[in-house]
Amino acid sequence: MDTVFISGLKATSVIGCYDWERDIRQTLVIDLELKADFARAAETDALADALDYAAISKRVIAVCDESRFQLLEALAEYLATLLLVEFSIAGLRMTITKPAAVAAADGVGVVISRP
């Protein structure tokens, strides 16, 4: 299985459990490793046969922009399910970092993997 990666994708979302978090947009940093078989894309050299990382990035940003999850875990699961279905991805690993969540840390977040 081959991998396309998207590193440091920035999106904003209403995310968090605290009352003050429900009224603001916070920046999220998303790293994706997307698994697929690249054989056909390599043979045809056609975007239609490849994972379109621009389209995937745009979709992730749009979902984050529209969502109002309390937990990063819920957002991550929603995004993973959506990406696997909409883009015919065989598997993925996703890291979502919330840089401003803890003042003494560079960021906190979640990592999920789906076959």
PDB file of N, CA and C in Angstrom:
ATOM      1  N   MET A   1       0.845  -1.185   0.000  1.00  0.00           N
ATOM      2  CA  MET A   1       0.000   0.000   0.000  1.00  0.00           C
ATOM      3  C   MET A   1       0.883   1.238   0.000  1.00  0.00           C
ATOM      4  N   ASP A   2       0.497   2.212  -0.781  1.00  0.00           N
ATOM      5  CA  ASP A   2       1.248   3.456  -0.917  1.00  0.00           C
ATOM      6  C   ASP A   2       0.595   4.547  -0.068  1.00  0.00           C
ATOM      7  N   THR A   3       1.306   5.660   0.111  1.00  0.00           N
ATOM      8  CA  THR A   3       0.826   6.716   0.997  1.00  0.00           C
ATOM      9  C   THR A   3       0.964   8.090   0.353  1.00  0.00           C
ATOM     10  N   VAL A   4      -0.100   8.870   0.426  1.00  0.00           N
ATOM     11  CA  VAL A   4      -0.060  10.303   0.156  1.00  0.00           C
ATOM     12  C   VAL A   4      -0.139  10.964   1.517  1.00  0.00           C
ATOM     13  N   PHE A   5       0.682  11.988   1.746  1.00  0.00           N
ATOM     14  CA  PHE A   5       0.565  12.673   3.035  1.00  0.00           C
ATOM     15  C   PHE A   5       0.281  14.154   2.826  1.00  0.00           C
ATOM     16  N   ILE A   6      -0.445  14.695   3.793  1.00  0.00           N
ATOM     17  CA  ILE A   6      -0.736  16.124   3.868  1.00  0.00           C
ATOM     18  C   ILE A   6      -0.290  16.530   5.264  1.00  0.00           C
ATOM     19  N   SER A   7       0.637  17.457   5.334  1.00  0.00           N
ATOM     20  CA  SER A   7       1.246  17.816   6.616  1.00  0.00           C
ATOM     21  C   SER A   7       0.974  19.272   6.962  1.00  0.00           C
ATOM     22  N   GLY A   8       0.509  19.498   8.176  1.00  0.00           N
ATOM     23  CA  GLY A   8       0.330  20.858   8.671  1.00  0.00           C
ATOM     24  C   GLY A   8      -0.847  21.601   8.071  1.00  0.00           C
ATOM     25  N   LEU A   9      -1.889  20.883   7.666  1.00  0.00           N
ATOM     26  CA  LEU A   9      -3.084  21.519   7.106  1.00  0.00           C
ATOM     27  C   LEU A   9      -3.783  22.307   8.212  1.00  0.00           C
ATOM     28  N   LYS A  10      -4.013  23.566   7.961  1.00  0.00           N
ATOM     29  CA  LYS A  10      -4.636  24.420   8.976  1.00  0.00           C
ATOM     30  C   LYS A  10      -6.107  24.632   8.642  1.00  0.00           C
ATOM     31  N   ALA A  11      -6.936  24.466   9.661  1.00  0.00           N
ATOM     32  CA  ALA A  11      -8.378  24.678   9.536  1.00  0.00           C
ATOM     33  C   ALA A  11      -8.856  25.327  10.826  1.00  0.00           C
ATOM     34  N   THR A  12      -9.992  25.985  10.768  1.00  0.00           N
ATOM     35  CA  THR A  12     -10.578  26.549  11.982  1.00  0.00           C
ATOM     36  C   THR A  12     -11.921  25.893  12.233  1.00  0.00           C
ATOM     37  N   SER A  13     -12.269  25.830  13.509  1.00  0.00           N
ATOM     38  CA  SER A  13     -13.510  25.166  13.887  1.00  0.00           C
ATOM     39  C   SER A  13     -13.972  25.668  15.245  1.00  0.00           C
ATOM     40  N   VAL A  14     -15.266  25.558  15.469  1.00  0.00           N
ATOM     41  CA  VAL A  14     -15.793  25.710  16.826  1.00  0.00           C
ATOM     42  C   VAL A  14     -15.630  24.333  17.440  1.00  0.00           C
ATOM     43  N   ILE A  15     -14.731  24.227  18.416  1.00  0.00           N
ATOM     44  CA  ILE A  15     -14.440  22.924  19.026  1.00  0.00           C
ATOM     45  C   ILE A  15     -14.064  23.121  20.484  1.00  0.00           C
ATOM     46  N   GLY A  16     -14.615  22.291  21.337  1.00  0.00           N
ATOM     47  CA  GLY A  16     -14.290  22.367  22.753  1.00  0.00           C
ATOM     48  C   GLY A  16     -15.511  22.163  23.620  1.00  0.00           C
ATOM     49  N   CYS A  17     -15.258  21.838  24.863  1.00  0.00           N
ATOM     50  CA  CYS A  17     -16.322  21.538  25.828  1.00  0.00           C
ATOM     51  C   CYS A  17     -16.688  22.722  26.713  1.00  0.00           C
ATOM     52  N   TYR A  18     -15.778  23.652  26.848  1.00  0.00           N
ATOM     53  CA  TYR A  18     -16.011  24.773  27.757  1.00  0.00           C
ATOM     54  C   TYR A  18     -16.883  25.837  27.086  1.00  0.00           C
ATOM     55  N   ASP A  19     -17.671  26.535  27.901  1.00  0.00           N
ATOM     56  CA  ASP A  19     -18.588  27.541  27.362  1.00  0.00           C
ATOM     57  C   ASP A  19     -17.867  28.560  26.490  1.00  0.00           C
ATOM     58  N   TRP A  20     -16.699  29.023  26.929  1.00  0.00           N
ATOM     59  CA  TRP A  20     -15.980  30.043  26.161  1.00  0.00           C
ATOM     60  C   TRP A  20     -15.521  29.516  24.808  1.00  0.00           C
ATOM     61  N   GLU A  21     -15.325  28.204  24.690  1.00  0.00           N
ATOM     62  CA  GLU A  21     -14.891  27.613  23.418  1.00  0.00           C
ATOM     63  C   GLU A  21     -16.039  27.510  22.413  1.00  0.00           C
ATOM     64  N   ARG A  22     -17.261  27.560  22.884  1.00  0.00           N
ATOM     65  CA  ARG A  22     -18.421  27.403  22.003  1.00  0.00           C
ATOM     66  C   ARG A  22     -18.720  28.678  21.224  1.00  0.00           C
ATOM     67  N   ASP A  23     -18.058  29.776  21.592  1.00  0.00           N
ATOM     68  CA  ASP A  23     -18.311  31.066  20.943  1.00  0.00           C
ATOM     69  C   ASP A  23     -17.141  31.564  20.100  1.00  0.00           C
ATOM     70  N   ILE A  24     -16.094  30.761  19.970  1.00  0.00           N
ATOM     71  CA  ILE A  24     -14.929  31.191  19.191  1.00  0.00           C
ATOM     72  C   ILE A  24     -14.531  30.104  18.190  1.00  0.00           C
ATOM     73  N   ARG A  25     -13.746  30.504  17.227  1.00  0.00           N
ATOM     74  CA  ARG A  25     -13.164  29.558  16.279  1.00  0.00           C
ATOM     75  C   ARG A  25     -11.712  29.342  16.696  1.00  0.00           C
ATOM     76  N   GLN A  26     -11.301  28.084  16.703  1.00  0.00           N
ATOM     77  CA  GLN A  26      -9.927  27.757  17.067  1.00  0.00           C
ATOM     78  C   GLN A  26      -9.216  27.118  15.876  1.00  0.00           C
ATOM     79  N   THR A  27      -7.942  27.368  15.789  1.00  0.00           N
ATOM     80  CA  THR A  27      -7.147  26.772  14.725  1.00  0.00           C
ATOM     81  C   THR A  27      -6.809  25.335  15.081  1.00  0.00           C
ATOM     82  N   LEU A  28      -6.932  24.464  14.098  1.00  0.00           N
ATOM     83  CA  LEU A  28      -6.522  23.073  14.216  1.00  0.00           C
ATOM     84  C   LEU A  28      -5.440  22.818  13.174  1.00  0.00           C
ATOM     85  N   VAL A  29      -4.496  21.959  13.506  1.00  0.00           N
ATOM     86  CA  VAL A  29      -3.458  21.554  12.560  1.00  0.00           C
ATOM     87  C   VAL A  29      -3.642  20.056  12.325  1.00  0.00           C
ATOM     88  N   ILE A  30      -3.805  19.698  11.064  1.00  0.00           N
ATOM     89  CA  ILE A  30      -4.153  18.319  10.715  1.00  0.00           C
ATOM     90  C   ILE A  30      -3.066  17.723   9.828  1.00  0.00           C
ATOM     91  N   ASP A  31      -2.604  16.546  10.224  1.00  0.00           N
ATOM     92  CA  ASP A  31      -1.654  15.768   9.427  1.00  0.00           C
ATOM     93  C   ASP A  31      -2.356  14.489   9.000  1.00  0.00           C
ATOM     94  N   LEU A  32      -2.261  14.178   7.711  1.00  0.00           N
ATOM     95  CA  LEU A  32      -2.916  12.990   7.164  1.00  0.00           C
ATOM     96  C   LEU A  32      -1.921  12.118   6.425  1.00  0.00           C
ATOM     97  N   GLU A  33      -2.043  10.821   6.620  1.00  0.00           N
ATOM     98  CA  GLU A  33      -1.370   9.827   5.790  1.00  0.00           C
ATOM     99  C   GLU A  33      -2.485   8.989   5.199  1.00  0.00           C
ATOM    100  N   LEU A  34      -2.614   9.010   3.883  1.00  0.00           N
ATOM    101  CA  LEU A  34      -3.719   8.371   3.187  1.00  0.00           C
ATOM    102  C   LEU A  34      -3.198   7.199   2.378  1.00  0.00           C
ATOM    103  N   LYS A  35      -3.751   6.012   2.629  1.00  0.00           N
ATOM    104  CA  LYS A  35      -3.282   4.781   1.998  1.00  0.00           C
ATOM    105  C   LYS A  35      -4.106   4.456   0.759  1.00  0.00           C
ATOM    106  N   ALA A  36      -3.411   4.107  -0.315  1.00  0.00           N
ATOM    107  CA  ALA A  36      -4.067   3.703  -1.557  1.00  0.00           C
ATOM    108  C   ALA A  36      -3.056   2.955  -2.420  1.00  0.00           C
ATOM    109  N   ASP A  37      -3.557   2.315  -3.432  1.00  0.00           N
ATOM    110  CA  ASP A  37      -2.704   1.647  -4.415  1.00  0.00           C
ATOM    111  C   ASP A  37      -2.445   2.648  -5.540  1.00  0.00           C
ATOM    112  N   PHE A  38      -1.196   3.021  -5.741  1.00  0.00           N
ATOM    113  CA  PHE A  38      -0.849   4.032  -6.738  1.00  0.00           C
ATOM    114  C   PHE A  38      -0.571   3.455  -8.122  1.00  0.00           C
ATOM    115  N   ALA A  39      -0.709   2.147  -8.300  1.00  0.00           N
ATOM    116  CA  ALA A  39      -0.321   1.504  -9.557  1.00  0.00           C
ATOM    117  C   ALA A  39      -1.027   2.128 -10.766  1.00  0.00           C
ATOM    118  N   ARG A  40      -2.332   2.289 -10.682  1.00  0.00           N
ATOM    119  CA  ARG A  40      -3.081   2.852 -11.816  1.00  0.00           C
ATOM    120  C   ARG A  40      -2.663   4.295 -12.087  1.00  0.00           C
ATOM    121  N   ALA A  41      -2.526   5.101 -11.043  1.00  0.00           N
ATOM    122  CA  ALA A  41      -2.113   6.497 -11.217  1.00  0.00           C
ATOM    123  C   ALA A  41      -0.721   6.578 -11.842  1.00  0.00           C
ATOM    124  N   ALA A  42       0.168   5.709 -11.420  1.00  0.00           N
ATOM    125  CA  ALA A  42       1.526   5.702 -11.983  1.00  0.00           C
ATOM    126  C   ALA A  42       1.506   5.305 -13.449  1.00  0.00           C
ATOM    127  N   GLU A  43       0.619   4.390 -13.798  1.00  0.00           N
ATOM    128  CA  GLU A  43       0.512   3.915 -15.182  1.00  0.00           C
ATOM    129  C   GLU A  43      -0.067   4.981 -16.108  1.00  0.00           C
ATOM    130  N   THR A  44      -1.127   5.660 -15.644  1.00  0.00           N
ATOM    131  CA  THR A  44      -1.826   6.621 -16.510  1.00  0.00           C
ATOM    132  C   THR A  44      -1.321   8.049 -16.386  1.00  0.00           C
ATOM    133  N   ASP A  45      -0.661   8.362 -15.268  1.00  0.00           N
ATOM    134  CA  ASP A  45      -0.219   9.732 -14.986  1.00  0.00           C
ATOM    135  C   ASP A  45      -1.391  10.708 -15.012  1.00  0.00           C
ATOM    136  N   ALA A  46      -2.561  10.233 -14.550  1.00  0.00           N
ATOM    137  CA  ALA A  46      -3.788  11.023 -14.585  1.00  0.00           C
ATOM    138  C   ALA A  46      -4.299  11.273 -13.170  1.00  0.00           C
ATOM    139  N   LEU A  47      -4.654  12.506 -12.899  1.00  0.00           N
ATOM    140  CA  LEU A  47      -5.173  12.877 -11.583  1.00  0.00           C
ATOM    141  C   LEU A  47      -6.434  12.078 -11.242  1.00  0.00           C
ATOM    142  N   ALA A  48      -7.226  11.759 -12.236  1.00  0.00           N
ATOM    143  CA  ALA A  48      -8.456  10.993 -11.991  1.00  0.00           C
ATOM    144  C   ALA A  48      -8.177   9.624 -11.373  1.00  0.00           C
ATOM    145  N   ASP A  49      -6.968   9.113 -11.534  1.00  0.00           N
ATOM    146  CA  ASP A  49      -6.600   7.805 -10.992  1.00  0.00           C
ATOM    147  C   ASP A  49      -5.783   7.915  -9.700  1.00  0.00           C
ATOM    148  N   ALA A  50      -5.635   9.112  -9.192  1.00  0.00           N
ATOM    149  CA  ALA A  50      -4.804   9.354  -8.005  1.00  0.00           C
ATOM    150  C   ALA A  50      -5.662   9.901  -6.865  1.00  0.00           C
ATOM    151  N   LEU A  51      -5.079   9.951  -5.673  1.00  0.00           N
ATOM    152  CA  LEU A  51      -5.719  10.667  -4.569  1.00  0.00           C
ATOM    153  C   LEU A  51      -5.439  12.150  -4.778  1.00  0.00           C
ATOM    154  N   ASP A  52      -6.489  12.915  -4.945  1.00  0.00           N
ATOM    155  CA  ASP A  52      -6.369  14.354  -5.208  1.00  0.00           C
ATOM    156  C   ASP A  52      -6.201  15.080  -3.874  1.00  0.00           C
ATOM    157  N   TYR A  53      -4.956  15.333  -3.486  1.00  0.00           N
ATOM    158  CA  TYR A  53      -4.715  15.920  -2.170  1.00  0.00           C
ATOM    159  C   TYR A  53      -5.250  17.331  -2.050  1.00  0.00           C
ATOM    160  N   ALA A  54      -5.382  18.051  -3.155  1.00  0.00           N
ATOM    161  CA  ALA A  54      -5.985  19.387  -3.102  1.00  0.00           C
ATOM    162  C   ALA A  54      -7.472  19.276  -2.763  1.00  0.00           C
ATOM    163  N   ALA A  55      -8.173  18.357  -3.407  1.00  0.00           N
ATOM    164  CA  ALA A  55      -9.597  18.159  -3.135  1.00  0.00           C
ATOM    165  C   ALA A  55      -9.817  17.639  -1.715  1.00  0.00           C
ATOM    166  N   ILE A  56      -8.949  16.736  -1.276  1.00  0.00           N
ATOM    167  CA  ILE A  56      -9.051  16.196   0.078  1.00  0.00           C
ATOM    168  C   ILE A  56      -8.830  17.307   1.103  1.00  0.00           C
ATOM    169  N   SER A  57      -7.820  18.130   0.898  1.00  0.00           N
ATOM    170  CA  SER A  57      -7.535  19.243   1.809  1.00  0.00           C
ATOM    171  C   SER A  57      -8.711  20.202   1.876  1.00  0.00           C
ATOM    172  N   LYS A  58      -9.263  20.542   0.726  1.00  0.00           N
ATOM    173  CA  LYS A  58     -10.403  21.459   0.661  1.00  0.00           C
ATOM    174  C   LYS A  58     -11.597  20.884   1.425  1.00  0.00           C
ATOM    175  N   ARG A  59     -11.831  19.594   1.291  1.00  0.00           N
ATOM    176  CA  ARG A  59     -12.957  18.943   1.969  1.00  0.00           C
ATOM    177  C   ARG A  59     -12.769  18.941   3.483  1.00  0.00           C
ATOM    178  N   VAL A  60     -11.557  18.638   3.934  1.00  0.00           N
ATOM    179  CA  VAL A  60     -11.262  18.635   5.369  1.00  0.00           C
ATOM    180  C   VAL A  60     -11.465  20.030   5.957  1.00  0.00           C
ATOM    181  N   ILE A  61     -10.964  21.045   5.282  1.00  0.00           N
ATOM    182  CA  ILE A  61     -11.125  22.427   5.757  1.00  0.00           C
ATOM    183  C   ILE A  61     -12.598  22.799   5.830  1.00  0.00           C
ATOM    184  N   ALA A  62     -13.378  22.426   4.808  1.00  0.00           N
ATOM    185  CA  ALA A  62     -14.808  22.742   4.792  1.00  0.00           C
ATOM    186  C   ALA A  62     -15.545  22.059   5.943  1.00  0.00           C
ATOM    187  N   VAL A  63     -15.235  20.796   6.187  1.00  0.00           N
ATOM    188  CA  VAL A  63     -15.892  20.071   7.287  1.00  0.00           C
ATOM    189  C   VAL A  63     -15.556  20.723   8.625  1.00  0.00           C
ATOM    190  N   CYS A  64     -14.302  21.052   8.834  1.00  0.00           N
ATOM    191  CA  CYS A  64     -13.905  21.708  10.092  1.00  0.00           C
ATOM    192  C   CYS A  64     -14.618  23.046  10.243  1.00  0.00           C
ATOM    193  N   ASP A  65     -14.713  23.788   9.159  1.00  0.00           N
ATOM    194  CA  ASP A  65     -15.350  25.099   9.186  1.00  0.00           C
ATOM    195  C   ASP A  65     -16.820  25.000   9.589  1.00  0.00           C
ATOM    196  N   GLU A  66     -17.492  23.947   9.133  1.00  0.00           N
ATOM    197  CA  GLU A  66     -18.922  23.776   9.389  1.00  0.00           C
ATOM    198  C   GLU A  66     -19.235  23.081  10.715  1.00  0.00           C
ATOM    199  N   SER A  67     -18.272  22.360  11.267  1.00  0.00           N
ATOM    200  CA  SER A  67     -18.557  21.509  12.423  1.00  0.00           C
ATOM    201  C   SER A  67     -18.570  22.280  13.739  1.00  0.00           C
ATOM    202  N   ARG A  68     -19.210  21.657  14.721  1.00  0.00           N
ATOM    203  CA  ARG A  68     -19.280  22.224  16.072  1.00  0.00           C
ATOM    204  C   ARG A  68     -19.145  21.103  17.097  1.00  0.00           C
ATOM    205  N   PHE A  69     -18.156  20.256  16.921  1.00  0.00           N
ATOM    206  CA  PHE A  69     -17.932  19.152  17.847  1.00  0.00           C
ATOM    207  C   PHE A  69     -17.372  19.674  19.166  1.00  0.00           C
ATOM    208  N   GLN A  70     -17.623  18.937  20.228  1.00  0.00           N
ATOM    209  CA  GLN A  70     -17.012  19.249  21.509  1.00  0.00           C
ATOM    210  C   GLN A  70     -15.629  18.606  21.614  1.00  0.00           C
ATOM    211  N   LEU A  71     -15.506  17.373  21.116  1.00  0.00           N
ATOM    212  CA  LEU A  71     -14.273  16.611  21.279  1.00  0.00           C
ATOM    213  C   LEU A  71     -13.520  16.442  19.961  1.00  0.00           C
ATOM    214  N   LEU A  72     -12.198  16.520  20.039  1.00  0.00           N
ATOM    215  CA  LEU A  72     -11.365  16.218  18.877  1.00  0.00           C
ATOM    216  C   LEU A  72     -11.586  14.781  18.409  1.00  0.00           C
ATOM    217  N   GLU A  73     -11.831  13.882  19.355  1.00  0.00           N
ATOM    218  CA  GLU A  73     -12.074  12.483  19.008  1.00  0.00           C
ATOM    219  C   GLU A  73     -13.280  12.348  18.070  1.00  0.00           C
ATOM    220  N   ALA A  74     -14.334  13.095  18.340  1.00  0.00           N
ATOM    221  CA  ALA A  74     -15.537  13.032  17.512  1.00  0.00           C
ATOM    222  C   ALA A  74     -15.275  13.617  16.131  1.00  0.00           C
ATOM    223  N   LEU A  75     -14.577  14.731  16.075  1.00  0.00           N
ATOM    224  CA  LEU A  75     -14.212  15.323  14.789  1.00  0.00           C
ATOM    225  C   LEU A  75     -13.332  14.381  13.986  1.00  0.00           C
ATOM    226  N   ALA A  76     -12.348  13.782  14.624  1.00  0.00           N
ATOM    227  CA  ALA A  76     -11.431  12.871  13.935  1.00  0.00           C
ATOM    228  C   ALA A  76     -12.176  11.674  13.359  1.00  0.00           C
ATOM    229  N   GLU A  77     -13.068  11.095  14.135  1.00  0.00           N
ATOM    230  CA  GLU A  77     -13.837   9.943  13.650  1.00  0.00           C
ATOM    231  C   GLU A  77     -14.723  10.336  12.476  1.00  0.00           C
ATOM    232  N   TYR A  78     -15.365  11.478  12.576  1.00  0.00           N
ATOM    233  CA  TYR A  78     -16.221  11.959  11.495  1.00  0.00           C
ATOM    234  C   TYR A  78     -15.403  12.172  10.214  1.00  0.00           C
ATOM    235  N   LEU A  79     -14.273  12.855  10.338  1.00  0.00           N
ATOM    236  CA  LEU A  79     -13.419  13.097   9.171  1.00  0.00           C
ATOM    237  C   LEU A  79     -12.899  11.793   8.571  1.00  0.00           C
ATOM    238  N   ALA A  80     -12.464  10.879   9.404  1.00  0.00           N
ATOM    239  CA  ALA A  80     -11.922   9.612   8.907  1.00  0.00           C
ATOM    240  C   ALA A  80     -12.974   8.850   8.116  1.00  0.00           C
ATOM    241  N   THR A  81     -14.162   8.742   8.655  1.00  0.00           N
ATOM    242  CA  THR A  81     -15.241   8.034   7.969  1.00  0.00           C
ATOM    243  C   THR A  81     -15.565   8.699   6.638  1.00  0.00           C
ATOM    244  N   LEU A  82     -15.673  10.002   6.654  1.00  0.00           N
ATOM    245  CA  LEU A  82     -15.981  10.750   5.438  1.00  0.00           C
ATOM    246  C   LEU A  82     -14.903  10.561   4.367  1.00  0.00           C
ATOM    247  N   LEU A  83     -13.645  10.690   4.740  1.00  0.00           N
ATOM    248  CA  LEU A  83     -12.552  10.559   3.772  1.00  0.00           C
ATOM    249  C   LEU A  83     -12.480   9.157   3.192  1.00  0.00           C
ATOM    250  N   LEU A  84     -12.640   8.150   4.030  1.00  0.00           N
ATOM    251  CA  LEU A  84     -12.589   6.767   3.552  1.00  0.00           C
ATOM    252  C   LEU A  84     -13.678   6.497   2.513  1.00  0.00           C
ATOM    253  N   VAL A  85     -14.847   7.051   2.722  1.00  0.00           N
ATOM    254  CA  VAL A  85     -15.967   6.820   1.811  1.00  0.00           C
ATOM    255  C   VAL A  85     -15.877   7.704   0.564  1.00  0.00           C
ATOM    256  N   GLU A  86     -15.713   8.995   0.763  1.00  0.00           N
ATOM    257  CA  GLU A  86     -15.785   9.936  -0.359  1.00  0.00           C
ATOM    258  C   GLU A  86     -14.604   9.837  -1.324  1.00  0.00           C
ATOM    259  N   PHE A  87     -13.443   9.429  -0.833  1.00  0.00           N
ATOM    260  CA  PHE A  87     -12.254   9.443  -1.682  1.00  0.00           C
ATOM    261  C   PHE A  87     -11.684   8.048  -1.938  1.00  0.00           C
ATOM    262  N   SER A  88     -12.425   7.024  -1.583  1.00  0.00           N
ATOM    263  CA  SER A  88     -11.999   5.635  -1.825  1.00  0.00           C
ATOM    264  C   SER A  88     -10.579   5.373  -1.321  1.00  0.00           C
ATOM    265  N   ILE A  89     -10.334   5.809  -0.111  1.00  0.00           N
ATOM    266  CA  ILE A  89      -9.036   5.618   0.535  1.00  0.00           C
ATOM    267  C   ILE A  89      -9.057   4.268   1.248  1.00  0.00           C
ATOM    268  N   ALA A  90      -7.987   3.510   1.129  1.00  0.00           N
ATOM    269  CA  ALA A  90      -7.917   2.180   1.739  1.00  0.00           C
ATOM    270  C   ALA A  90      -7.671   2.244   3.244  1.00  0.00           C
ATOM    271  N   GLY A  91      -7.024   3.282   3.713  1.00  0.00           N
ATOM    272  CA  GLY A  91      -6.732   3.437   5.131  1.00  0.00           C
ATOM    273  C   GLY A  91      -6.136   4.808   5.378  1.00  0.00           C
ATOM    274  N   LEU A  92      -6.065   5.189   6.646  1.00  0.00           N
ATOM    275  CA  LEU A  92      -5.489   6.493   6.949  1.00  0.00           C
ATOM    276  C   LEU A  92      -4.968   6.547   8.377  1.00  0.00           C
ATOM    277  N   ARG A  93      -4.108   7.493   8.576  1.00  0.00           N
ATOM    278  CA  ARG A  93      -3.636   7.877   9.912  1.00  0.00           C
ATOM    279  C   ARG A  93      -3.801   9.388   9.954  1.00  0.00           C
ATOM    280  N   MET A  94      -4.460   9.877  11.005  1.00  0.00           N
ATOM    281  CA  MET A  94      -4.744  11.303  11.116  1.00  0.00           C
ATOM    282  C   MET A  94      -4.333  11.810  12.494  1.00  0.00           C
ATOM    283  N   THR A  95      -3.641  12.918  12.494  1.00  0.00           N
ATOM    284  CA  THR A  95      -3.315  13.632  13.726  1.00  0.00           C
ATOM    285  C   THR A  95      -4.005  14.982  13.667  1.00  0.00           C
ATOM    286  N   ILE A  96      -4.769  15.295  14.703  1.00  0.00           N
ATOM    287  CA  ILE A  96      -5.369  16.626  14.814  1.00  0.00           C
ATOM    288  C   ILE A  96      -4.798  17.271  16.074  1.00  0.00           C
ATOM    289  N   THR A  97      -4.153  18.400  15.873  1.00  0.00           N
ATOM    290  CA  THR A  97      -3.549  19.132  16.982  1.00  0.00           C
ATOM    291  C   THR A  97      -4.317  20.423  17.218  1.00  0.00           C
ATOM    292  N   LYS A  98      -4.565  20.694  18.482  1.00  0.00           N
ATOM    293  CA  LYS A  98      -5.210  21.934  18.907  1.00  0.00           C
ATOM    294  C   LYS A  98      -4.121  22.747  19.615  1.00  0.00           C
ATOM    295  N   PRO A  99      -3.483  23.663  18.884  1.00  0.00           N
ATOM    296  CA  PRO A  99      -2.306  24.355  19.429  1.00  0.00           C
ATOM    297  C   PRO A  99      -2.566  25.191  20.682  1.00  0.00           C
ATOM    298  N   ALA A 100      -3.734  25.771  20.831  1.00  0.00           N
ATOM    299  CA  ALA A 100      -3.981  26.691  21.939  1.00  0.00           C
ATOM    300  C   ALA A 100      -4.713  26.047  23.115  1.00  0.00           C
ATOM    301  N   ALA A 101      -4.800  24.742  23.153  1.00  0.00           N
ATOM    302  CA  ALA A 101      -5.612  24.081  24.176  1.00  0.00           C
ATOM    303  C   ALA A 101      -5.024  24.167  25.579  1.00  0.00           C
ATOM    304  N   VAL A 102      -3.704  24.047  25.685  1.00  0.00           N
ATOM    305  CA  VAL A 102      -3.036  24.084  26.993  1.00  0.00           C
ATOM    306  C   VAL A 102      -1.903  25.106  26.897  1.00  0.00           C
ATOM    307  N   ALA A 103      -1.962  26.117  27.732  1.00  0.00           N
ATOM    308  CA  ALA A 103      -1.011  27.228  27.637  1.00  0.00           C
ATOM    309  C   ALA A 103       0.446  26.779  27.744  1.00  0.00           C
ATOM    310  N   ALA A 104       0.723  25.774  28.541  1.00  0.00           N
ATOM    311  CA  ALA A 104       2.105  25.340  28.756  1.00  0.00           C
ATOM    312  C   ALA A 104       2.581  24.323  27.719  1.00  0.00           C
ATOM    313  N   ALA A 105       1.759  24.025  26.715  1.00  0.00           N
ATOM    314  CA  ALA A 105       2.128  23.032  25.706  1.00  0.00           C
ATOM    315  C   ALA A 105       2.076  23.645  24.308  1.00  0.00           C
ATOM    316  N   ASP A 106       2.858  23.102  23.406  1.00  0.00           N
ATOM    317  CA  ASP A 106       2.795  23.531  22.004  1.00  0.00           C
ATOM    318  C   ASP A 106       1.483  23.134  21.368  1.00  0.00           C
ATOM    319  N   GLY A 107       0.911  22.061  21.867  1.00  0.00           N
ATOM    320  CA  GLY A 107      -0.366  21.599  21.345  1.00  0.00           C
ATOM    321  C   GLY A 107      -0.747  20.284  21.987  1.00  0.00           C
ATOM    322  N   VAL A 108      -2.030  19.988  21.911  1.00  0.00           N
ATOM    323  CA  VAL A 108      -2.540  18.690  22.334  1.00  0.00           C
ATOM    324  C   VAL A 108      -3.420  18.176  21.200  1.00  0.00           C
ATOM    325  N   GLY A 109      -3.663  16.882  21.195  1.00  0.00           N
ATOM    326  CA  GLY A 109      -4.494  16.395  20.113  1.00  0.00           C
ATOM    327  C   GLY A 109      -4.744  14.911  20.165  1.00  0.00           C
ATOM    328  N   VAL A 110      -5.193  14.398  19.027  1.00  0.00           N
ATOM    329  CA  VAL A 110      -5.519  12.988  18.901  1.00  0.00           C
ATOM    330  C   VAL A 110      -4.875  12.429  17.644  1.00  0.00           C
ATOM    331  N   VAL A 111      -4.627  11.138  17.681  1.00  0.00           N
ATOM    332  CA  VAL A 111      -4.148  10.411  16.517  1.00  0.00           C
ATOM    333  C   VAL A 111      -5.057   9.205  16.343  1.00  0.00           C
ATOM    334  N   ILE A 112      -5.594   9.036  15.134  1.00  0.00           N
ATOM    335  CA  ILE A 112      -6.404   7.852  14.865  1.00  0.00           C
ATOM    336  C   ILE A 112      -5.882   7.178  13.603  1.00  0.00           C
ATOM    337  N   SER A 113      -6.051   5.880  13.564  1.00  0.00           N
ATOM    338  CA  SER A 113      -5.694   5.082  12.391  1.00  0.00           C
ATOM    339  C   SER A 113      -6.883   4.218  12.034  1.00  0.00           C
ATOM    340  N   ARG A 114      -7.121   4.126  10.755  1.00  0.00           N
ATOM    341  CA  ARG A 114      -8.160   3.237  10.237  1.00  0.00           C
ATOM    342  C   ARG A 114      -7.530   2.409   9.140  1.00  0.00           C
ATOM    343  N   PRO A 115      -7.880   1.103   9.118  1.00  0.00           N
ATOM    344  CA  PRO A 115      -7.227   0.213   8.147  1.00  0.00           C
ATOM    345  C   PRO A 115      -7.242   0.758   6.772  1.00  0.00           C
TER     346      PRO A 115
END
